[in-house]
C-alpha atoms as a PDB file:
ATOM      1  CA  MET A   1     106.547 105.760 106.463  1.00  0.00           C
ATOM      2  CA  SER A   2     107.209 105.805 102.707  1.00  0.00           C
ATOM      3  CA  ALA A   3     104.408 104.665 100.390  1.00  0.00           C
ATOM      4  CA  GLY A   4     106.921 103.447  97.787  1.00  0.00           C
ATOM      5  CA  PRO A   5     105.860 103.914  94.141  1.00  0.00           C
ATOM      6  CA  TRP A   6     102.165 104.268  95.026  1.00  0.00           C
ATOM      7  CA  PRO A   7     100.178 107.375  96.032  1.00  0.00           C
ATOM      8  CA  VAL A   8      98.695 105.402  98.950  1.00  0.00           C
ATOM      9  CA  ASP A   9     100.740 103.726 101.698  1.00  0.00           C
ATOM     10  CA  PRO A  10     100.027  99.947 101.582  1.00  0.00           C
ATOM     11  CA  ALA A  11     100.866  99.687 105.294  1.00  0.00           C
ATOM     12  CA  ALA A  12      98.204 102.270 106.135  1.00  0.00           C
ATOM     13  CA  LEU A  13      95.669 100.262 104.132  1.00  0.00           C
ATOM     14  CA  ALA A  14      96.683  96.980 105.807  1.00  0.00           C
ATOM     15  CA  LEU A  15      96.175  98.568 109.239  1.00  0.00           C
ATOM     16  CA  ASP A  16      92.936 100.358 108.296  1.00  0.00           C
ATOM     17  CA  LEU A  17      94.519 103.780 108.844  1.00  0.00           C
ATOM     18  CA  LEU A  18      93.658 105.441 105.522  1.00  0.00           C
ATOM     19  CA  GLU A  19      92.129 108.882 105.405  1.00  0.00           C
ATOM     20  CA  SER A  20      88.631 108.967 103.894  1.00  0.00           C
ATOM     21  CA  ASP A  21      89.811 110.720 100.708  1.00  0.00           C
ATOM     22  CA  GLN A  22      92.397 107.975 100.077  1.00  0.00           C
ATOM     23  CA  ALA A  23      89.898 105.095 100.059  1.00  0.00           C
ATOM     24  CA  PRO A  24      88.860 105.416  96.350  1.00  0.00           C
ATOM     25  CA  ILE A  25      92.518 105.542  95.278  1.00  0.00           C
ATOM     26  CA  ALA A  26      93.319 102.438  97.353  1.00  0.00           C
ATOM     27  CA  GLU A  27      90.369 100.529  95.868  1.00  0.00           C
ATOM     28  CA  ALA A  28      91.533 101.350  92.336  1.00  0.00           C
ATOM     29  CA  LEU A  29      95.098 100.230  93.140  1.00  0.00           C
ATOM     30  CA  LEU A  30      93.877  96.936  94.618  1.00  0.00           C
ATOM     31  CA  ARG A  31      91.859  96.314  91.465  1.00  0.00           C
ATOM     32  CA  ASP A  32      94.385  97.407  88.828  1.00  0.00           C
ATOM     33  CA  ASP A  33      97.854  96.996  90.382  1.00  0.00           C
ATOM     34  CA  PRO A  34      98.810  93.378  91.309  1.00  0.00           C
ATOM     35  CA  ALA A  35     102.062  94.534  92.960  1.00  0.00           C
ATOM     36  CA  PHE A  36     100.173  96.894  95.279  1.00  0.00           C
ATOM     37  CA  ALA A  37      97.620  94.206  96.158  1.00  0.00           C
ATOM     38  CA  ALA A  38     100.420  91.716  96.912  1.00  0.00           C
ATOM     39  CA  GLU A  39     102.209  94.214  99.176  1.00  0.00           C
ATOM     40  CA  VAL A  40      99.011  94.903 101.134  1.00  0.00           C
ATOM     41  CA  GLU A  41      98.415  91.163 101.577  1.00  0.00           C
ATOM     42  CA  ARG A  42     102.014  90.647 102.764  1.00  0.00           C
ATOM     43  CA  LEU A  43     101.686  93.413 105.334  1.00  0.00           C
ATOM     44  CA  ARG A  44      98.364  92.050 106.573  1.00  0.00           C
ATOM     45  CA  ASN A  45      99.974  88.639 107.129  1.00  0.00           C
ATOM     46  CA  THR A  46     102.844  90.312 109.003  1.00  0.00           C
ATOM     47  CA  THR A  47     100.338  92.199 111.159  1.00  0.00           C
ATOM     48  CA  GLU A  48      98.736  88.917 112.194  1.00  0.00           C
ATOM     49  CA  LEU A  49     102.071  87.311 113.150  1.00  0.00           C
ATOM     50  CA  LEU A  50     103.875  90.132 114.984  1.00  0.00           C
ATOM     51  CA  PRO A  51     101.519  90.429 117.995  1.00  0.00           C
ATOM     52  CA  ALA A  52     102.667  86.977 119.148  1.00  0.00           C
ATOM     53  CA  ILE A  53     106.218  88.281 119.657  1.00  0.00           C
ATOM     54  CA  ASP A  54     107.079  89.247 123.242  1.00  0.00           C
ATOM     55  CA  THR A  55     108.106  92.866 122.633  1.00  0.00           C
ATOM     56  CA  LEU A  56     108.515  93.672 126.322  1.00  0.00           C
ATOM     57  CA  ALA A  57     111.117  90.992 127.140  1.00  0.00           C
ATOM     58  CA  TRP A  58     114.091  93.189 126.244  1.00  0.00           C
ATOM     59  CA  SER A  59     116.180  94.512 129.107  1.00  0.00           C
ATOM     60  CA  PRO A  60     118.851  97.233 128.783  1.00  0.00           C
ATOM     61  CA  PRO A  61     122.568  96.371 129.164  1.00  0.00           C
ATOM     62  CA  PRO A  62     124.333  97.380 132.390  1.00  0.00           C
ATOM     63  CA  ALA A  63     125.551 100.961 132.553  1.00  0.00           C
ATOM     64  CA  PRO A  64     129.322 101.491 132.032  1.00  0.00           C
ATOM     65  CA  ALA A  65     131.533 102.240 134.997  1.00  0.00           C
ATOM     66  CA  LEU A  66     131.956 105.907 135.955  1.00  0.00           C
ATOM     67  CA  ASP A  67     135.197 107.383 134.585  1.00  0.00           C
ATOM     68  CA  VAL A  68     135.863 110.071 137.197  1.00  0.00           C
ATOM     69  CA  ALA A  69     139.070 111.354 135.576  1.00  0.00           C
ATOM     70  CA  ARG A  70     137.379 111.820 132.199  1.00  0.00           C
ATOM     71  CA  ALA A  71     134.335 113.506 133.729  1.00  0.00           C
ATOM     72  CA  THR A  72     136.362 116.005 135.794  1.00  0.00           C
ATOM     73  CA  GLY A  73     139.067 116.646 133.186  1.00  0.00           C
ATOM     74  CA  ARG A  74     141.817 115.971 135.752  1.00  0.00           C
ATOM     75  CA  PRO A  75     144.555 113.331 135.219  1.00  0.00           C
ATOM     76  CA  PRO A  76     144.725 110.629 137.866  1.00  0.00           C
ATOM     77  CA  GLU A  77     147.332 111.439 140.506  1.00  0.00           C
ATOM     78  CA  ALA A  78     149.780 108.893 141.851  1.00  0.00           C
ATOM     79  CA  VAL A  79     149.349 108.356 145.554  1.00  0.00           C
ATOM     80  CA  ALA A  80     152.366 107.384 147.639  1.00  0.00           C
ATOM     81  CA  VAL A  81     151.798 104.351 149.827  1.00  0.00           C
ATOM     82  CA  ARG A  82     152.659 105.032 153.445  1.00  0.00           C
ATOM     83  CA  ARG A  83     152.308 102.772 156.391  1.00  0.00           C
ATOM     84  CA  SER A  84     149.725 104.164 158.737  1.00  0.00           C
ATOM     85  CA  TRP A  85     148.891 103.186 162.287  1.00  0.00           C
ATOM     86  CA  ARG A  86     145.433 104.753 162.203  1.00  0.00           C
ATOM     87  CA  PRO A  87     142.565 102.373 162.981  1.00  0.00           C
ATOM     88  CA  ARG A  88     141.023 100.734 159.916  1.00  0.00           C
ATOM     89  CA  TRP A  89     137.577 102.181 160.565  1.00  0.00           C
ATOM     90  CA  ARG A  90     139.025 105.692 160.307  1.00  0.00           C
ATOM     91  CA  LEU A  91     140.643 104.841 156.979  1.00  0.00           C
ATOM     92  CA  ALA A  92     137.359 103.471 155.642  1.00  0.00           C
ATOM     93  CA  LEU A  93     135.439 106.533 156.817  1.00  0.00           C
ATOM     94  CA  GLY A  94     137.960 108.896 155.230  1.00  0.00           C
ATOM     95  CA  SER A  95     137.774 107.019 151.902  1.00  0.00           C
ATOM     96  CA  ALA A  96     133.984 107.161 151.901  1.00  0.00           C
ATOM     97  CA  VAL A  97     133.981 110.917 152.535  1.00  0.00           C
ATOM     98  CA  ALA A  98     136.538 111.521 149.776  1.00  0.00           C
ATOM     99  CA  LEU A  99     134.547 109.433 147.287  1.00  0.00           C
ATOM    100  CA  ALA A 100     131.356 111.340 148.117  1.00  0.00           C
ATOM    101  CA  VAL A 101     133.117 114.662 147.458  1.00  0.00           C
ATOM    102  CA  VAL A 102     134.450 113.463 144.087  1.00  0.00           C
ATOM    103  CA  VAL A 103     131.062 112.116 142.951  1.00  0.00           C
ATOM    104  CA  ALA A 104     129.319 115.342 143.994  1.00  0.00           C
ATOM    105  CA  GLY A 105     131.859 117.336 141.973  1.00  0.00           C
ATOM    106  CA  VAL A 106     131.259 115.158 138.914  1.00  0.00           C
ATOM    107  CA  ILE A 107     127.507 115.678 139.174  1.00  0.00           C
ATOM    108  CA  VAL A 108     127.896 119.460 139.458  1.00  0.00           C
ATOM    109  CA  LEU A 109     130.353 119.654 136.535  1.00  0.00           C
ATOM    110  CA  SER A 110     128.282 117.435 134.253  1.00  0.00           C
ATOM    111  CA  GLY A 111     125.157 119.532 134.874  1.00  0.00           C
ATOM    112  CA  ALA A 112     126.782 122.972 134.567  1.00  0.00           C
ATOM    113  CA  GLY A 113     125.691 124.966 131.546  1.00  0.00           C
ATOM    114  CA  ARG A 114     123.261 122.290 130.334  1.00  0.00           C
ATOM    115  CA  PRO A 115     119.599 123.261 129.928  1.00  0.00           C
ATOM    116  CA  SER A 116     117.272 121.246 132.091  1.00  0.00           C
ATOM    117  CA  ASP A 117     115.007 118.731 130.358  1.00  0.00           C
ATOM    118  CA  PRO A 118     111.308 119.622 130.250  1.00  0.00           C
ATOM    119  CA  PRO A 119     109.199 117.714 132.772  1.00  0.00           C
ATOM    120  CA  PRO A 120     107.368 114.683 131.353  1.00  0.00           C
ATOM    121  CA  PRO A 121     103.631 115.061 130.736  1.00  0.00           C
ATOM    122  CA  VAL A 122     101.444 114.106 133.661  1.00  0.00           C
ATOM    123  CA  ALA A 123      99.018 112.164 131.458  1.00  0.00           C
ATOM    124  CA  THR A 124      98.096 111.422 127.852  1.00  0.00           C
ATOM    125  CA  ALA A 125      94.362 111.564 127.033  1.00  0.00           C
ATOM    126  CA  LEU A 126      93.106 110.013 123.788  1.00  0.00           C
ATOM    127  CA  THR A 127      89.613 109.984 122.269  1.00  0.00           C
ATOM    128  CA  LEU A 128      88.514 106.540 121.059  1.00  0.00           C
ATOM    129  CA  ARG A 129      86.359 106.695 117.931  1.00  0.00           C
ATOM    130  CA  PRO A 130      84.405 103.864 116.305  1.00  0.00           C
ATOM    131  CA  VAL A 131      85.997 101.952 113.440  1.00  0.00           C
ATOM    132  CA  ALA A 132      83.869 101.691 110.271  1.00  0.00           C
ATOM    133  CA  GLY A 133      80.891  99.425 110.881  1.00  0.00           C
ATOM    134  CA  ALA A 134      81.206  99.508 114.688  1.00  0.00           C
ATOM    135  CA  ARG A 135      79.543 101.685 117.300  1.00  0.00           C
ATOM    136  CA  GLY A 136      80.453 103.320 120.581  1.00  0.00           C
ATOM    137  CA  ALA A 137      82.975 105.924 121.729  1.00  0.00           C
ATOM    138  CA  GLY A 138      85.313 106.442 124.638  1.00  0.00           C
ATOM    139  CA  GLU A 139      88.473 107.909 126.104  1.00  0.00           C
ATOM    140  CA  ILE A 140      91.671 106.431 127.484  1.00  0.00           C
ATOM    141  CA  VAL A 141      93.966 108.321 129.854  1.00  0.00           C
ATOM    142  CA  VAL A 142      97.537 107.028 130.372  1.00  0.00           C
ATOM    143  CA  ARG A 143      99.417 108.614 133.267  1.00  0.00           C
ATOM    144  CA  ALA A 144     103.187 108.970 133.572  1.00  0.00           C
ATOM    145  CA  SER A 145     103.155 106.275 136.278  1.00  0.00           C
ATOM    146  CA  GLY A 146     101.866 103.733 133.734  1.00  0.00           C
ATOM    147  CA  ASP A 147      98.343 103.602 135.170  1.00  0.00           C
ATOM    148  CA  ALA A 148      95.674 103.798 132.474  1.00  0.00           C
ATOM    149  CA  GLU A 149      91.900 104.199 132.620  1.00  0.00           C
ATOM    150  CA  LEU A 150      89.594 103.411 129.695  1.00  0.00           C
ATOM    151  CA  GLN A 151      85.996 104.670 129.740  1.00  0.00           C
ATOM    152  CA  ALA A 152      83.592 103.854 126.920  1.00  0.00           C
ATOM    153  CA  SER A 153      79.876 103.862 126.181  1.00  0.00           C
ATOM    154  CA  GLY A 154      77.580 102.732 123.390  1.00  0.00           C
ATOM    155  CA  LEU A 155      79.457  99.464 122.893  1.00  0.00           C
ATOM    156  CA  ARG A 156      77.710  96.281 121.860  1.00  0.00           C
ATOM    157  CA  PRO A 157      77.223  94.008 124.902  1.00  0.00           C
ATOM    158  CA  ASN A 158      79.492  90.981 124.865  1.00  0.00           C
ATOM    159  CA  GLY A 159      78.209  87.598 123.836  1.00  0.00           C
ATOM    160  CA  THR A 160      78.593  84.486 125.958  1.00  0.00           C
ATOM    161  CA  HIS A 161      82.102  83.556 124.826  1.00  0.00           C
ATOM    162  CA  GLU A 162      83.762  86.837 123.913  1.00  0.00           C
ATOM    163  CA  HIS A 163      85.338  89.915 125.467  1.00  0.00           C
ATOM    164  CA  TYR A 164      86.930  93.236 124.512  1.00  0.00           C
ATOM    165  CA  GLU A 165      90.724  93.741 124.423  1.00  0.00           C
ATOM    166  CA  ALA A 166      92.717  97.019 124.347  1.00  0.00           C
ATOM    167  CA  TRP A 167      95.990  97.093 122.365  1.00  0.00           C
ATOM    168  CA  LEU A 168      98.952  99.338 121.623  1.00  0.00           C
ATOM    169  CA  ALA A 169      99.970  99.034 117.949  1.00  0.00           C
ATOM    170  CA  ASP A 170     102.516 100.548 115.593  1.00  0.00           C
ATOM    171  CA  ARG A 171     102.361 100.991 111.827  1.00  0.00           C
ATOM    172  CA  GLY A 172     104.560  97.960 111.261  1.00  0.00           C
ATOM    173  CA  GLY A 173     102.002  95.591 112.761  1.00  0.00           C
ATOM    174  CA  ARG A 174     103.534  95.166 116.252  1.00  0.00           C
ATOM    175  CA  MET A 175     100.747  94.963 118.855  1.00  0.00           C
ATOM    176  CA  VAL A 176     100.987  94.799 122.643  1.00  0.00           C
ATOM    177  CA  PRO A 177      97.892  93.894 124.731  1.00  0.00           C
ATOM    178  CA  MET A 178      96.964  96.375 127.454  1.00  0.00           C
ATOM    179  CA  GLY A 179      94.035  94.613 129.129  1.00  0.00           C
ATOM    180  CA  SER A 180      90.695  92.893 128.575  1.00  0.00           C
ATOM    181  CA  PHE A 181      87.184  93.676 129.788  1.00  0.00           C
ATOM    182  CA  ARG A 182      83.536  92.765 129.278  1.00  0.00           C
ATOM    183  CA  VAL A 183      80.584  95.016 128.479  1.00  0.00           C
ATOM    184  CA  GLY A 184      77.094  94.442 129.853  1.00  0.00           C
ATOM    185  CA  ALA A 185      73.659  95.444 128.684  1.00  0.00           C
ATOM    186  CA  ASP A 186      74.300  99.159 129.385  1.00  0.00           C
ATOM    187  CA  GLY A 187      77.098  99.229 126.781  1.00  0.00           C
ATOM    188  CA  LYS A 188      79.508 100.954 129.186  1.00  0.00           C
ATOM    189  CA  ALA A 189      83.029 100.172 130.353  1.00  0.00           C
ATOM    190  CA  ASP A 190      85.299 101.677 133.019  1.00  0.00           C
ATOM    191  CA  VAL A 191      88.574  99.732 133.046  1.00  0.00           C
ATOM    192  CA  HIS A 192      91.852 100.300 134.887  1.00  0.00           C
ATOM    193  CA  MET A 193      95.025  98.884 133.324  1.00  0.00           C
ATOM    194  CA  THR A 194      98.816  99.135 133.596  1.00  0.00           C
ATOM    195  CA  VAL A 195     100.833 100.192 130.541  1.00  0.00           C
ATOM    196  CA  ASP A 196     104.410  98.883 130.642  1.00  0.00           C
ATOM    197  CA  ALA A 197     105.582 100.380 127.328  1.00  0.00           C
ATOM    198  CA  ASP A 198     106.787 103.659 125.818  1.00  0.00           C
ATOM    199  CA  LEU A 199     103.806 105.290 124.085  1.00  0.00           C
ATOM    200  CA  ALA A 200     106.151 107.195 121.774  1.00  0.00           C
ATOM    201  CA  THR A 201     106.987 103.963 119.924  1.00  0.00           C
ATOM    202  CA  PHE A 202     103.363 103.242 118.974  1.00  0.00           C
ATOM    203  CA  ALA A 203     100.977 104.750 116.423  1.00  0.00           C
ATOM    204  CA  PHE A 204      97.540 104.098 117.900  1.00  0.00           C
ATOM    205  CA  VAL A 205      95.398 102.441 120.582  1.00  0.00           C
ATOM    206  CA  ASP A 206      92.959  99.801 119.332  1.00  0.00           C
ATOM    207  CA  VAL A 207      90.007  98.063 121.008  1.00  0.00           C
ATOM    208  CA  SER A 208      88.860  94.766 119.495  1.00  0.00           C
ATOM    209  CA  VAL A 209      86.402  91.944 120.121  1.00  0.00           C
ATOM    210  CA  GLU A 210      88.192  88.705 121.011  1.00  0.00           C
ATOM    211  CA  PRO A 211      86.962  85.121 121.592  1.00  0.00           C
ATOM    212  CA  ASP A 212      87.360  83.725 125.099  1.00  0.00           C
ATOM    213  CA  GLY A 213      90.236  81.247 125.222  1.00  0.00           C
ATOM    214  CA  GLY A 214      91.470  82.284 121.772  1.00  0.00           C
ATOM    215  CA  PRO A 215      95.075  82.870 120.654  1.00  0.00           C
ATOM    216  CA  PRO A 216      96.933  85.869 122.168  1.00  0.00           C
ATOM    217  CA  THR A 217      96.757  87.796 118.890  1.00  0.00           C
ATOM    218  CA  HIS A 218      94.461  90.438 117.458  1.00  0.00           C
ATOM    219  CA  SER A 219      91.275  88.936 116.001  1.00  0.00           C
ATOM    220  CA  GLY A 220      91.030  91.566 113.272  1.00  0.00           C
ATOM    221  CA  THR A 221      87.659  92.797 114.605  1.00  0.00           C
ATOM    222  CA  SER A 222      88.382  96.352 115.756  1.00  0.00           C
ATOM    223  CA  VAL A 223      85.627  98.536 117.219  1.00  0.00           C
ATOM    224  CA  LEU A 224      87.401 101.623 118.633  1.00  0.00           C
ATOM    225  CA  ARG A 225      90.667 103.337 117.755  1.00  0.00           C
ATOM    226  CA  ALA A 226      92.687 106.432 118.722  1.00  0.00           C
ATOM    227  CA  ARG A 227      95.796 107.852 117.078  1.00  0.00           C
ATOM    228  CA  LEU A 228      98.819 108.583 119.269  1.00  0.00           C
END
């Protein structure tokens, strides 16, 4: 993502993703450059609004019909219509066999000479580190099936009316909730969730403290984070 005319990316500052050596530069820009401060504030407001959008409601369009002639490189042949006295079930069976042969040929031709795609990773393991001012640590493992397991320790026990929430987030402020959990006096968590999203489209995993019964958006109180 481009930082524009500034040496520090305002989006990275709005999402608390700055490297430690960039913090003094960002503080000076916020103090001395009104345009930079305004851009950071705009991005922070966008970050608060985007999580409410249902990002998983999109469904792909139907696949186009198979063009057998184009795939095989053979022009369609005219077939003379003849009256046949064969039983209809034999005609149907013959058509099905012919179609199976054509489709098999298309599959073989389309795959010939093409390198095979590498197998997808079995799982993605990420180390969750504490955000400034918070405590605790953990790990989240997301398997190719979509099953995810989050293990953490050293977290602050939840209060009476609050819980922890895990999120997927990108640098533009889009956030998708993964699952919620509570932490007891031992400060530990072992949570199983289902991830119905492409990890490649997100920048990090975030764990925050959320009020019970609150709005379905990020509270802004992050405690753990891992870069994707």
